[in-house]
C-alpha atoms as a PDB file:
ATOM      1  CA  UNK A   1       0.000   0.000   0.000  1.00  0.00           C
ATOM      2  CA  UNK A   2       1.239   3.482  -0.849  1.00  0.00           C
ATOM      3  CA  UNK A   3      -0.755   6.353   0.614  1.00  0.00           C
ATOM      4  CA  UNK A   4      -1.596   8.705   3.433  1.00  0.00           C
ATOM      5  CA  UNK A   5      -1.588   8.340   7.216  1.00  0.00           C
ATOM      6  CA  UNK A   6      -3.845  10.746   9.111  1.00  0.00           C
ATOM      7  CA  UNK A   7      -5.448  11.201  12.457  1.00  0.00           C
ATOM      8  CA  UNK A   8      -9.221  11.684  12.086  1.00  0.00           C
ATOM      9  CA  UNK A   9     -11.155  14.004  14.401  1.00  0.00           C
ATOM     10  CA  UNK A  10     -14.825  13.070  14.034  1.00  0.00           C
ATOM     11  CA  UNK A  11     -17.811  15.164  15.103  1.00  0.00           C
ATOM     12  CA  UNK A  12     -21.276  13.598  14.982  1.00  0.00           C
ATOM     13  CA  UNK A  13     -23.801  16.373  14.268  1.00  0.00           C
ATOM     14  CA  UNK A  14     -27.543  16.574  13.625  1.00  0.00           C
ATOM     15  CA  UNK A  15     -26.810  17.538  10.011  1.00  0.00           C
ATOM     16  CA  UNK A  16     -23.938  18.521   7.750  1.00  0.00           C
ATOM     17  CA  UNK A  17     -23.155  22.256   7.633  1.00  0.00           C
ATOM     18  CA  UNK A  18     -24.098  24.377   4.641  1.00  0.00           C
ATOM     19  CA  UNK A  19     -21.496  26.839   3.275  1.00  0.00           C
ATOM     20  CA  UNK A  20     -20.718  29.433   5.943  1.00  0.00           C
ATOM     21  CA  UNK A  21     -22.759  27.611   8.593  1.00  0.00           C
ATOM     22  CA  UNK A  22     -21.647  26.265  11.974  1.00  0.00           C
ATOM     23  CA  UNK A  23     -23.154  23.063  13.360  1.00  0.00           C
ATOM     24  CA  UNK A  24     -22.531  21.774  16.887  1.00  0.00           C
ATOM     25  CA  UNK A  25     -22.043  18.168  17.944  1.00  0.00           C
ATOM     26  CA  UNK A  26     -21.845  16.855  21.505  1.00  0.00           C
ATOM     27  CA  UNK A  27     -18.207  15.679  21.337  1.00  0.00           C
ATOM     28  CA  UNK A  28     -15.223  14.874  19.159  1.00  0.00           C
ATOM     29  CA  UNK A  29     -13.711  11.416  18.734  1.00  0.00           C
ATOM     30  CA  UNK A  30     -10.183  10.632  17.559  1.00  0.00           C
ATOM     31  CA  UNK A  31      -9.518   7.728  15.197  1.00  0.00           C
ATOM     32  CA  UNK A  32      -6.725   6.497  12.979  1.00  0.00           C
ATOM     33  CA  UNK A  33      -7.205   7.605   9.377  1.00  0.00           C
ATOM     34  CA  UNK A  34      -5.699   8.359   5.986  1.00  0.00           C
ATOM     35  CA  UNK A  35      -6.743   6.434   2.872  1.00  0.00           C
ATOM     36  CA  UNK A  36      -3.493   4.514   2.617  1.00  0.00           C
ATOM     37  CA  UNK A  37      -3.441   3.516   6.274  1.00  0.00           C
ATOM     38  CA  UNK A  38      -7.160   2.714   6.321  1.00  0.00           C
ATOM     39  CA  UNK A  39      -6.918   0.493   3.253  1.00  0.00           C
ATOM     40  CA  UNK A  40      -3.882  -1.220   4.769  1.00  0.00           C
ATOM     41  CA  UNK A  41      -5.884  -2.071   7.904  1.00  0.00           C
ATOM     42  CA  UNK A  42      -8.809  -3.316   5.810  1.00  0.00           C
ATOM     43  CA  UNK A  43      -6.506  -5.560   3.775  1.00  0.00           C
ATOM     44  CA  UNK A  44      -4.770  -6.904   6.876  1.00  0.00           C
ATOM     45  CA  UNK A  45      -8.094  -7.714   8.541  1.00  0.00           C
ATOM     46  CA  UNK A  46      -9.112  -9.497   5.344  1.00  0.00           C
ATOM     47  CA  UNK A  47      -6.104 -11.768   5.780  1.00  0.00           C
ATOM     48  CA  UNK A  48      -3.424 -10.212   3.561  1.00  0.00           C
ATOM     49  CA  UNK A  49       0.224  -9.577   4.414  1.00  0.00           C
ATOM     50  CA  UNK A  50       0.408  -5.794   4.144  1.00  0.00           C
ATOM     51  CA  UNK A  51       3.242  -3.282   4.035  1.00  0.00           C
ATOM     52  CA  UNK A  52       2.571   0.451   4.021  1.00  0.00           C
ATOM     53  CA  UNK A  53       4.735   3.041   2.264  1.00  0.00           C
ATOM     54  CA  UNK A  54       3.876   6.454   3.695  1.00  0.00           C
ATOM     55  CA  UNK A  55       5.104   9.339   5.870  1.00  0.00           C
ATOM     56  CA  UNK A  56       4.212  10.676   9.321  1.00  0.00           C
ATOM     57  CA  UNK A  57       5.580  13.480  11.467  1.00  0.00           C
ATOM     58  CA  UNK A  58       8.049  12.934  14.295  1.00  0.00           C
ATOM     59  CA  UNK A  59       5.323  13.803  16.808  1.00  0.00           C
ATOM     60  CA  UNK A  60       3.183  12.013  19.365  1.00  0.00           C
ATOM     61  CA  UNK A  61       0.360  11.731  16.851  1.00  0.00           C
ATOM     62  CA  UNK A  62       2.635  10.020  14.338  1.00  0.00           C
ATOM     63  CA  UNK A  63       4.021   7.597  16.902  1.00  0.00           C
ATOM     64  CA  UNK A  64       0.506   6.683  18.008  1.00  0.00           C
ATOM     65  CA  UNK A  65      -0.556   6.173  14.381  1.00  0.00           C
ATOM     66  CA  UNK A  66       2.308   3.744  13.781  1.00  0.00           C
ATOM     67  CA  UNK A  67       1.546   1.873  16.987  1.00  0.00           C
ATOM     68  CA  UNK A  68      -2.080   1.454  15.885  1.00  0.00           C
ATOM     69  CA  UNK A  69      -0.996   0.118  12.499  1.00  0.00           C
ATOM     70  CA  UNK A  70       1.442  -2.346  14.051  1.00  0.00           C
ATOM     71  CA  UNK A  71      -1.320  -3.606  16.331  1.00  0.00           C
ATOM     72  CA  UNK A  72      -3.371  -4.389  13.204  1.00  0.00           C
ATOM     73  CA  UNK A  73      -0.538  -6.405  11.677  1.00  0.00           C
ATOM     74  CA  UNK A  74       0.467  -3.772   9.100  1.00  0.00           C
ATOM     75  CA  UNK A  75       4.175  -3.556   8.315  1.00  0.00           C
ATOM     76  CA  UNK A  76       5.371   0.011   8.896  1.00  0.00           C
ATOM     77  CA  UNK A  77       9.128  -0.282   8.404  1.00  0.00           C
ATOM     78  CA  UNK A  78       8.781   1.681   5.152  1.00  0.00           C
ATOM     79  CA  UNK A  79       6.890   4.600   6.721  1.00  0.00           C
ATOM     80  CA  UNK A  80       9.147   7.675   6.760  1.00  0.00           C
ATOM     81  CA  UNK A  81       9.208   9.730   9.969  1.00  0.00           C
ATOM     82  CA  UNK A  82       9.764  13.402   9.078  1.00  0.00           C
ATOM     83  CA  UNK A  83      11.108  15.838  11.642  1.00  0.00           C
ATOM     84  CA  UNK A  84       9.962  18.956   9.765  1.00  0.00           C
ATOM     85  CA  UNK A  85       6.307  18.054   9.104  1.00  0.00           C
ATOM     86  CA  UNK A  86       3.339  17.217  11.333  1.00  0.00           C
ATOM     87  CA  UNK A  87       1.331  14.055  10.866  1.00  0.00           C
ATOM     88  CA  UNK A  88      -1.662  14.509   8.558  1.00  0.00           C
ATOM     89  CA  UNK A  89      -4.998  15.489  10.094  1.00  0.00           C
ATOM     90  CA  UNK A  90      -8.605  15.113   8.897  1.00  0.00           C
ATOM     91  CA  UNK A  91     -11.633  16.955  10.289  1.00  0.00           C
ATOM     92  CA  UNK A  92     -14.825  14.958   9.683  1.00  0.00           C
ATOM     93  CA  UNK A  93     -18.470  15.836  10.335  1.00  0.00           C
ATOM     94  CA  UNK A  94     -20.937  12.926  10.230  1.00  0.00           C
ATOM     95  CA  UNK A  95     -24.755  13.211  10.141  1.00  0.00           C
ATOM     96  CA  UNK A  96     -27.279  10.682  11.550  1.00  0.00           C
ATOM     97  CA  UNK A  97     -27.578   8.885   8.177  1.00  0.00           C
ATOM     98  CA  UNK A  98     -23.828   8.263   8.084  1.00  0.00           C
ATOM     99  CA  UNK A  99     -23.020  10.823   5.367  1.00  0.00           C
ATOM    100  CA  UNK A 100     -19.959  12.975   5.950  1.00  0.00           C
ATOM    101  CA  UNK A 101     -17.925  16.036   5.027  1.00  0.00           C
ATOM    102  CA  UNK A 102     -14.137  15.847   5.255  1.00  0.00           C
ATOM    103  CA  UNK A 103     -11.316  18.420   5.196  1.00  0.00           C
ATOM    104  CA  UNK A 104      -7.718  17.199   5.290  1.00  0.00           C
ATOM    105  CA  UNK A 105      -4.427  18.870   6.244  1.00  0.00           C
ATOM    106  CA  UNK A 106      -1.798  16.881   4.327  1.00  0.00           C
ATOM    107  CA  UNK A 107       1.132  17.408   6.704  1.00  0.00           C
ATOM    108  CA  UNK A 108       3.774  14.711   6.183  1.00  0.00           C
ATOM    109  CA  UNK A 109       1.700  13.052   3.461  1.00  0.00           C
ATOM    110  CA  UNK A 110       2.463  15.957   1.149  1.00  0.00           C
ATOM    111  CA  UNK A 111       6.208  15.516   1.761  1.00  0.00           C
ATOM    112  CA  UNK A 112       6.405  11.792   0.976  1.00  0.00           C
ATOM    113  CA  UNK A 113       9.200  11.722  -1.598  1.00  0.00           C
ATOM    114  CA  UNK A 114       9.417   9.815  -4.854  1.00  0.00           C
ATOM    115  CA  UNK A 115      12.869   8.598  -3.812  1.00  0.00           C
ATOM    116  CA  UNK A 116      11.521   7.074  -0.602  1.00  0.00           C
ATOM    117  CA  UNK A 117       8.693   5.366  -2.526  1.00  0.00           C
ATOM    118  CA  UNK A 118      11.097   3.974  -5.122  1.00  0.00           C
ATOM    119  CA  UNK A 119      13.487   2.628  -2.490  1.00  0.00           C
ATOM    120  CA  UNK A 120      10.684   1.049  -0.471  1.00  0.00           C
ATOM    121  CA  UNK A 121       9.039  -0.582  -3.475  1.00  0.00           C
ATOM    122  CA  UNK A 122      12.382  -1.901  -4.726  1.00  0.00           C
ATOM    123  CA  UNK A 123      12.445  -3.989  -1.558  1.00  0.00           C
ATOM    124  CA  UNK A 124       8.752  -4.917  -1.546  1.00  0.00           C
ATOM    125  CA  UNK A 125       7.774  -5.537  -5.170  1.00  0.00           C
ATOM    126  CA  UNK A 126       9.621  -8.848  -5.726  1.00  0.00           C
ATOM    127  CA  UNK A 127       7.169 -10.551  -3.343  1.00  0.00           C
ATOM    128  CA  UNK A 128       4.096  -8.359  -3.957  1.00  0.00           C
ATOM    129  CA  UNK A 129       0.868  -9.540  -5.575  1.00  0.00           C
ATOM    130  CA  UNK A 130      -0.738  -6.106  -5.869  1.00  0.00           C
ATOM    131  CA  UNK A 131       0.089  -2.458  -5.186  1.00  0.00           C
ATOM    132  CA  UNK A 132      -2.689  -0.144  -4.037  1.00  0.00           C
ATOM    133  CA  UNK A 133      -1.924   3.563  -4.435  1.00  0.00           C
ATOM    134  CA  UNK A 134      -4.105   6.301  -2.949  1.00  0.00           C
ATOM    135  CA  UNK A 135      -3.949   9.899  -4.107  1.00  0.00           C
ATOM    136  CA  UNK A 136      -3.662  11.822  -0.811  1.00  0.00           C
ATOM    137  CA  UNK A 137       0.125  12.031  -1.268  1.00  0.00           C
ATOM    138  CA  UNK A 138       2.541  14.201  -3.236  1.00  0.00           C
ATOM    139  CA  UNK A 139       2.102  13.873  -6.994  1.00  0.00           C
ATOM    140  CA  UNK A 140       5.656  12.759  -7.713  1.00  0.00           C
ATOM    141  CA  UNK A 141       5.361  10.067  -5.036  1.00  0.00           C
ATOM    142  CA  UNK A 142       2.143   8.789  -6.623  1.00  0.00           C
ATOM    143  CA  UNK A 143       3.753   8.674 -10.069  1.00  0.00           C
ATOM    144  CA  UNK A 144       6.795   6.898  -8.640  1.00  0.00           C
ATOM    145  CA  UNK A 145       4.592   4.242  -7.040  1.00  0.00           C
ATOM    146  CA  UNK A 146       2.552   3.575 -10.172  1.00  0.00           C
ATOM    147  CA  UNK A 147       5.668   3.584 -12.336  1.00  0.00           C
ATOM    148  CA  UNK A 148       7.513   1.141 -10.085  1.00  0.00           C
ATOM    149  CA  UNK A 149       4.584  -1.284 -10.067  1.00  0.00           C
ATOM    150  CA  UNK A 150       4.288  -1.087 -13.852  1.00  0.00           C
ATOM    151  CA  UNK A 151       8.007  -1.670 -14.338  1.00  0.00           C
ATOM    152  CA  UNK A 152       7.890  -4.711 -12.063  1.00  0.00           C
ATOM    153  CA  UNK A 153       4.813  -6.131 -13.781  1.00  0.00           C
ATOM    154  CA  UNK A 154       2.809  -6.058 -10.538  1.00  0.00           C
ATOM    155  CA  UNK A 155      -0.902  -5.293 -10.712  1.00  0.00           C
ATOM    156  CA  UNK A 156      -1.678  -1.744  -9.580  1.00  0.00           C
ATOM    157  CA  UNK A 157      -4.938  -0.418  -8.176  1.00  0.00           C
ATOM    158  CA  UNK A 158      -5.127   3.387  -8.172  1.00  0.00           C
ATOM    159  CA  UNK A 159      -7.749   5.035  -5.968  1.00  0.00           C
ATOM    160  CA  UNK A 160      -8.150   8.538  -7.447  1.00  0.00           C
ATOM    161  CA  UNK A 161      -9.375  10.218  -4.282  1.00  0.00           C
ATOM    162  CA  UNK A 162      -8.901  13.049  -5.046  1.00  0.00           C
ATOM    163  CA  UNK A 163      -8.638  12.986  -8.848  1.00  0.00           C
ATOM    164  CA  UNK A 164      -5.455  15.072  -9.029  1.00  0.00           C
ATOM    165  CA  UNK A 165      -3.291  16.065 -12.007  1.00  0.00           C
ATOM    166  CA  UNK A 166      -0.881  13.301 -10.941  1.00  0.00           C
ATOM    167  CA  UNK A 167      -3.678  10.738 -11.224  1.00  0.00           C
ATOM    168  CA  UNK A 168      -4.442  11.929 -14.758  1.00  0.00           C
ATOM    169  CA  UNK A 169      -0.739  11.796 -15.646  1.00  0.00           C
ATOM    170  CA  UNK A 170      -0.471   8.266 -14.256  1.00  0.00           C
ATOM    171  CA  UNK A 171      -3.402   7.027 -16.353  1.00  0.00           C
ATOM    172  CA  UNK A 172      -1.731   8.411 -19.484  1.00  0.00           C
ATOM    173  CA  UNK A 173       1.766   7.118 -18.724  1.00  0.00           C
ATOM    174  CA  UNK A 174       0.785   3.676 -17.477  1.00  0.00           C
ATOM    175  CA  UNK A 175      -2.136   2.080 -19.287  1.00  0.00           C
ATOM    176  CA  UNK A 176      -3.860  -0.895 -17.724  1.00  0.00           C
ATOM    177  CA  UNK A 177      -4.276   0.469 -14.208  1.00  0.00           C
ATOM    178  CA  UNK A 178      -7.344  -0.616 -12.255  1.00  0.00           C
ATOM    179  CA  UNK A 179      -9.073   2.625 -11.224  1.00  0.00           C
ATOM    180  CA  UNK A 180     -11.574   2.844  -8.342  1.00  0.00           C
ATOM    181  CA  UNK A 181     -13.217   6.297  -8.457  1.00  0.00           C
ATOM    182  CA  UNK A 182     -16.521   7.253  -6.899  1.00  0.00           C
ATOM    183  CA  UNK A 183     -19.001   9.050  -9.141  1.00  0.00           C
ATOM    184  CA  UNK A 184     -17.598  12.522  -8.342  1.00  0.00           C
ATOM    185  CA  UNK A 185     -14.028  11.436  -9.062  1.00  0.00           C
ATOM    186  CA  UNK A 186     -15.147   9.662 -12.233  1.00  0.00           C
ATOM    187  CA  UNK A 187     -16.582  12.951 -13.519  1.00  0.00           C
ATOM    188  CA  UNK A 188     -13.399  14.798 -12.515  1.00  0.00           C
ATOM    189  CA  UNK A 189     -11.410  12.323 -14.641  1.00  0.00           C
ATOM    190  CA  UNK A 190     -13.752  12.735 -17.631  1.00  0.00           C
ATOM    191  CA  UNK A 191     -13.153  15.152 -20.467  1.00  0.00           C
ATOM    192  CA  UNK A 192     -15.281  18.349 -20.258  1.00  0.00           C
ATOM    193  CA  UNK A 193     -17.659  17.222 -23.017  1.00  0.00           C
ATOM    194  CA  UNK A 194     -18.275  13.868 -21.275  1.00  0.00           C
ATOM    195  CA  UNK A 195     -19.176  15.021 -17.767  1.00  0.00           C
ATOM    196  CA  UNK A 196     -22.929  15.235 -18.247  1.00  0.00           C
ATOM    197  CA  UNK A 197     -23.225  11.636 -19.403  1.00  0.00           C
ATOM    198  CA  UNK A 198     -24.589   8.761 -17.290  1.00  0.00           C
ATOM    199  CA  UNK A 199     -22.152   7.024 -14.951  1.00  0.00           C
ATOM    200  CA  UNK A 200     -22.012   3.815 -17.003  1.00  0.00           C
ATOM    201  CA  UNK A 201     -21.066   5.725 -20.162  1.00  0.00           C
ATOM    202  CA  UNK A 202     -18.381   7.663 -18.323  1.00  0.00           C
ATOM    203  CA  UNK A 203     -16.931   4.460 -16.859  1.00  0.00           C
ATOM    204  CA  UNK A 204     -16.781   2.829 -20.300  1.00  0.00           C
ATOM    205  CA  UNK A 205     -15.124   5.908 -21.778  1.00  0.00           C
ATOM    206  CA  UNK A 206     -12.510   6.028 -19.007  1.00  0.00           C
ATOM    207  CA  UNK A 207     -11.792   2.299 -19.320  1.00  0.00           C
ATOM    208  CA  UNK A 208     -11.319   2.733 -23.070  1.00  0.00           C
ATOM    209  CA  UNK A 209      -8.861   5.606 -22.522  1.00  0.00           C
ATOM    210  CA  UNK A 210      -6.816   3.824 -19.858  1.00  0.00           C
ATOM    211  CA  UNK A 211      -7.040   0.286 -21.288  1.00  0.00           C
ATOM    212  CA  UNK A 212      -7.763  -0.992 -17.796  1.00  0.00           C
ATOM    213  CA  UNK A 213     -10.740  -1.841 -15.607  1.00  0.00           C
ATOM    214  CA  UNK A 214     -12.733   0.927 -13.935  1.00  0.00           C
ATOM    215  CA  UNK A 215     -14.710   0.061 -10.800  1.00  0.00           C
ATOM    216  CA  UNK A 216     -16.942   2.936  -9.693  1.00  0.00           C
ATOM    217  CA  UNK A 217     -17.872   2.784  -6.008  1.00  0.00           C
ATOM    218  CA  UNK A 218     -21.480   3.875  -5.485  1.00  0.00           C
ATOM    219  CA  UNK A 219     -22.109   3.576  -1.755  1.00  0.00           C
ATOM    220  CA  UNK A 220     -25.341   1.762  -0.913  1.00  0.00           C
ATOM    221  CA  UNK A 221     -25.809   0.901  -4.604  1.00  0.00           C
ATOM    222  CA  UNK A 222     -22.628  -1.178  -4.699  1.00  0.00           C
ATOM    223  CA  UNK A 223     -20.124  -0.825  -7.538  1.00  0.00           C
ATOM    224  CA  UNK A 224     -20.277  -0.422 -11.302  1.00  0.00           C
ATOM    225  CA  UNK A 225     -17.675  -2.318 -13.355  1.00  0.00           C
ATOM    226  CA  UNK A 226     -16.420  -1.352 -16.824  1.00  0.00           C
ATOM    227  CA  UNK A 227     -13.766  -3.728 -18.166  1.00  0.00           C
ATOM    228  CA  UNK A 228     -12.759  -3.895 -21.809  1.00  0.00           C
ATOM    229  CA  UNK A 229     -15.363  -5.264 -24.203  1.00  0.00           C
ATOM    230  CA  UNK A 230     -17.446  -6.876 -21.439  1.00  0.00           C
ATOM    231  CA  UNK A 231     -20.868  -5.339 -20.755  1.00  0.00           C
ATOM    232  CA  UNK A 232     -20.848  -2.760 -17.979  1.00  0.00           C
ATOM    233  CA  UNK A 233     -22.585  -4.180 -14.930  1.00  0.00           C
ATOM    234  CA  UNK A 234     -23.395  -3.351 -11.307  1.00  0.00           C
ATOM    235  CA  UNK A 235     -22.412  -5.427  -8.295  1.00  0.00           C
ATOM    236  CA  UNK A 236     -25.204  -4.771  -5.801  1.00  0.00           C
ATOM    237  CA  UNK A 237     -24.483  -4.078  -2.135  1.00  0.00           C
ATOM    238  CA  UNK A 238     -26.393  -5.869   0.613  1.00  0.00           C
ATOM    239  CA  UNK A 239     -28.915  -3.703   2.420  1.00  0.00           C
ATOM    240  CA  UNK A 240     -27.661  -2.029   5.596  1.00  0.00           C
ATOM    241  CA  UNK A 241     -30.447  -1.391   8.096  1.00  0.00           C
ATOM    242  CA  UNK A 242     -28.895   1.495  10.021  1.00  0.00           C
ATOM    243  CA  UNK A 243     -25.632   2.880   8.588  1.00  0.00           C
ATOM    244  CA  UNK A 244     -23.769   4.940  11.173  1.00  0.00           C
ATOM    245  CA  UNK A 245     -20.685   6.292   9.383  1.00  0.00           C
ATOM    246  CA  UNK A 246     -19.658   5.892   5.737  1.00  0.00           C
ATOM    247  CA  UNK A 247     -16.226   7.498   6.242  1.00  0.00           C
ATOM    248  CA  UNK A 248     -14.162   4.327   5.796  1.00  0.00           C
ATOM    249  CA  UNK A 249     -16.356   2.429   3.343  1.00  0.00           C
ATOM    250  CA  UNK A 250     -14.343   3.358   0.255  1.00  0.00           C
ATOM    251  CA  UNK A 251     -11.062   2.553   1.998  1.00  0.00           C
ATOM    252  CA  UNK A 252     -12.479  -0.799   3.087  1.00  0.00           C
ATOM    253  CA  UNK A 253     -13.521  -1.515  -0.484  1.00  0.00           C
ATOM    254  CA  UNK A 254     -10.072  -0.706  -1.862  1.00  0.00           C
ATOM    255  CA  UNK A 255      -8.148  -2.589   0.812  1.00  0.00           C
ATOM    256  CA  UNK A 256     -10.230  -5.751   0.521  1.00  0.00           C
ATOM    257  CA  UNK A 257     -10.187  -5.568  -3.285  1.00  0.00           C
ATOM    258  CA  UNK A 258      -6.379  -5.291  -3.331  1.00  0.00           C
ATOM    259  CA  UNK A 259      -6.025  -8.091  -0.772  1.00  0.00           C
ATOM    260  CA  UNK A 260      -8.068 -10.495  -2.867  1.00  0.00           C
ATOM    261  CA  UNK A 261      -6.439  -9.526  -6.163  1.00  0.00           C
ATOM    262  CA  UNK A 262      -3.024 -10.081  -4.553  1.00  0.00           C
ATOM    263  CA  UNK A 263      -4.170 -13.562  -3.504  1.00  0.00           C
ATOM    264  CA  UNK A 264      -5.170 -14.411  -7.079  1.00  0.00           C
ATOM    265  CA  UNK A 265      -8.926 -14.119  -6.604  1.00  0.00           C
ATOM    266  CA  UNK A 266     -10.735 -13.560  -9.930  1.00  0.00           C
ATOM    267  CA  UNK A 267     -11.587  -9.891 -10.341  1.00  0.00           C
ATOM    268  CA  UNK A 268     -15.371 -10.415 -10.362  1.00  0.00           C
ATOM    269  CA  UNK A 269     -15.213 -12.291  -7.059  1.00  0.00           C
ATOM    270  CA  UNK A 270     -12.780  -9.742  -5.607  1.00  0.00           C
ATOM    271  CA  UNK A 271     -15.138  -6.852  -6.448  1.00  0.00           C
ATOM    272  CA  UNK A 272     -18.144  -8.635  -4.951  1.00  0.00           C
ATOM    273  CA  UNK A 273     -16.169  -9.421  -1.789  1.00  0.00           C
ATOM    274  CA  UNK A 274     -15.040  -5.803  -1.499  1.00  0.00           C
ATOM    275  CA  UNK A 275     -18.602  -4.517  -1.902  1.00  0.00           C
ATOM    276  CA  UNK A 276     -19.816  -6.791   0.896  1.00  0.00           C
ATOM    277  CA  UNK A 277     -16.916  -5.761   3.164  1.00  0.00           C
ATOM    278  CA  UNK A 278     -17.631  -2.068   2.558  1.00  0.00           C
ATOM    279  CA  UNK A 279     -21.291  -2.562   3.470  1.00  0.00           C
ATOM    280  CA  UNK A 280     -20.251  -4.167   6.758  1.00  0.00           C
ATOM    281  CA  UNK A 281     -17.889  -1.295   7.585  1.00  0.00           C
ATOM    282  CA  UNK A 282     -20.546   1.420   7.979  1.00  0.00           C
ATOM    283  CA  UNK A 283     -22.019   0.011  11.183  1.00  0.00           C
ATOM    284  CA  UNK A 284     -19.747   1.908  13.597  1.00  0.00           C
ATOM    285  CA  UNK A 285     -18.359   5.444  13.976  1.00  0.00           C
ATOM    286  CA  UNK A 286     -14.824   5.941  12.660  1.00  0.00           C
ATOM    287  CA  UNK A 287     -13.138   4.937   9.415  1.00  0.00           C
ATOM    288  CA  UNK A 288     -11.523   1.768  10.783  1.00  0.00           C
ATOM    289  CA  UNK A 289     -13.758   0.793  13.687  1.00  0.00           C
ATOM    290  CA  UNK A 290     -16.270  -1.121  11.588  1.00  0.00           C
ATOM    291  CA  UNK A 291     -13.810  -2.688   9.136  1.00  0.00           C
ATOM    292  CA  UNK A 292     -14.644  -6.414   9.080  1.00  0.00           C
ATOM    293  CA  UNK A 293     -12.288  -9.344   9.470  1.00  0.00           C
ATOM    294  CA  UNK A 294     -12.079 -12.227   7.016  1.00  0.00           C
ATOM    295  CA  UNK A 295     -14.484 -14.402   8.992  1.00  0.00           C
ATOM    296  CA  UNK A 296     -17.217 -11.744   9.019  1.00  0.00           C
ATOM    297  CA  UNK A 297     -16.779 -11.112   5.297  1.00  0.00           C
ATOM    298  CA  UNK A 298     -17.026 -14.826   4.538  1.00  0.00           C
ATOM    299  CA  UNK A 299     -20.155 -15.156   6.643  1.00  0.00           C
ATOM    300  CA  UNK A 300     -21.802 -12.192   4.913  1.00  0.00           C
ATOM    301  CA  UNK A 301     -20.960 -13.619   1.483  1.00  0.00           C
ATOM    302  CA  UNK A 302     -22.483 -16.944   2.501  1.00  0.00           C
ATOM    303  CA  UNK A 303     -25.721 -15.185   3.428  1.00  0.00           C
END
């Protein structure tokens, strides 16, 4: 996994604020976060051997973040500890339906260097089955990660959250990536004349441009898959009676997807497994708190 490590400060409020509005919640909770770290935890809980390439600050928050990751079985020996940057921070407001608004201060994530990524992946890629790259890091680090995976012939999943210029550059330079945008990110990756089209058309167009699969995450609706000449289809999500927090659902999806692809699971089965895992993850407050373990995922699939 190559991506961000954050600390999440979560406020549960009666509703999400409108522009310029203040909403008040009863308390704030602190959780481990960052798309790279979250996906790493999801993959480890799903049974994969996981190593994270990332950066944190040389502060108490960073040390606590690494301790949490170690406790989940995530290898952190390739996480850089930077003396001149704070650990990344996310401020999250969650409403009673589980929807959220997120603002992120990049901190050390924005200083993760391409050189560090290249050196770490040189050690990790010979035994890797899949590389998952998230976009909350410096652009040159993202391009270095995707380029190293491509050069080694290792499958690469790129989560374009957010859909930055580096993501667009990566899709041009390295065809065949598996992209996992949500609908907003899919439209950000589209050409201006495409953006008003239906999601399925946009996914097919993006897959044609990148010569790789596109899996659009759609929350409670599951995921839409566009892959080459195959018909575009939706993998439905199981119904969730009372979702509490959707913050980590996308990270769960990506981590479990990468874990199963690395293990050689056929892509259709891997996507379905990831959709089920993401649906299980929304039952508790905090991005990682509800992430299911392999046994729970297997039981849900059996149902």
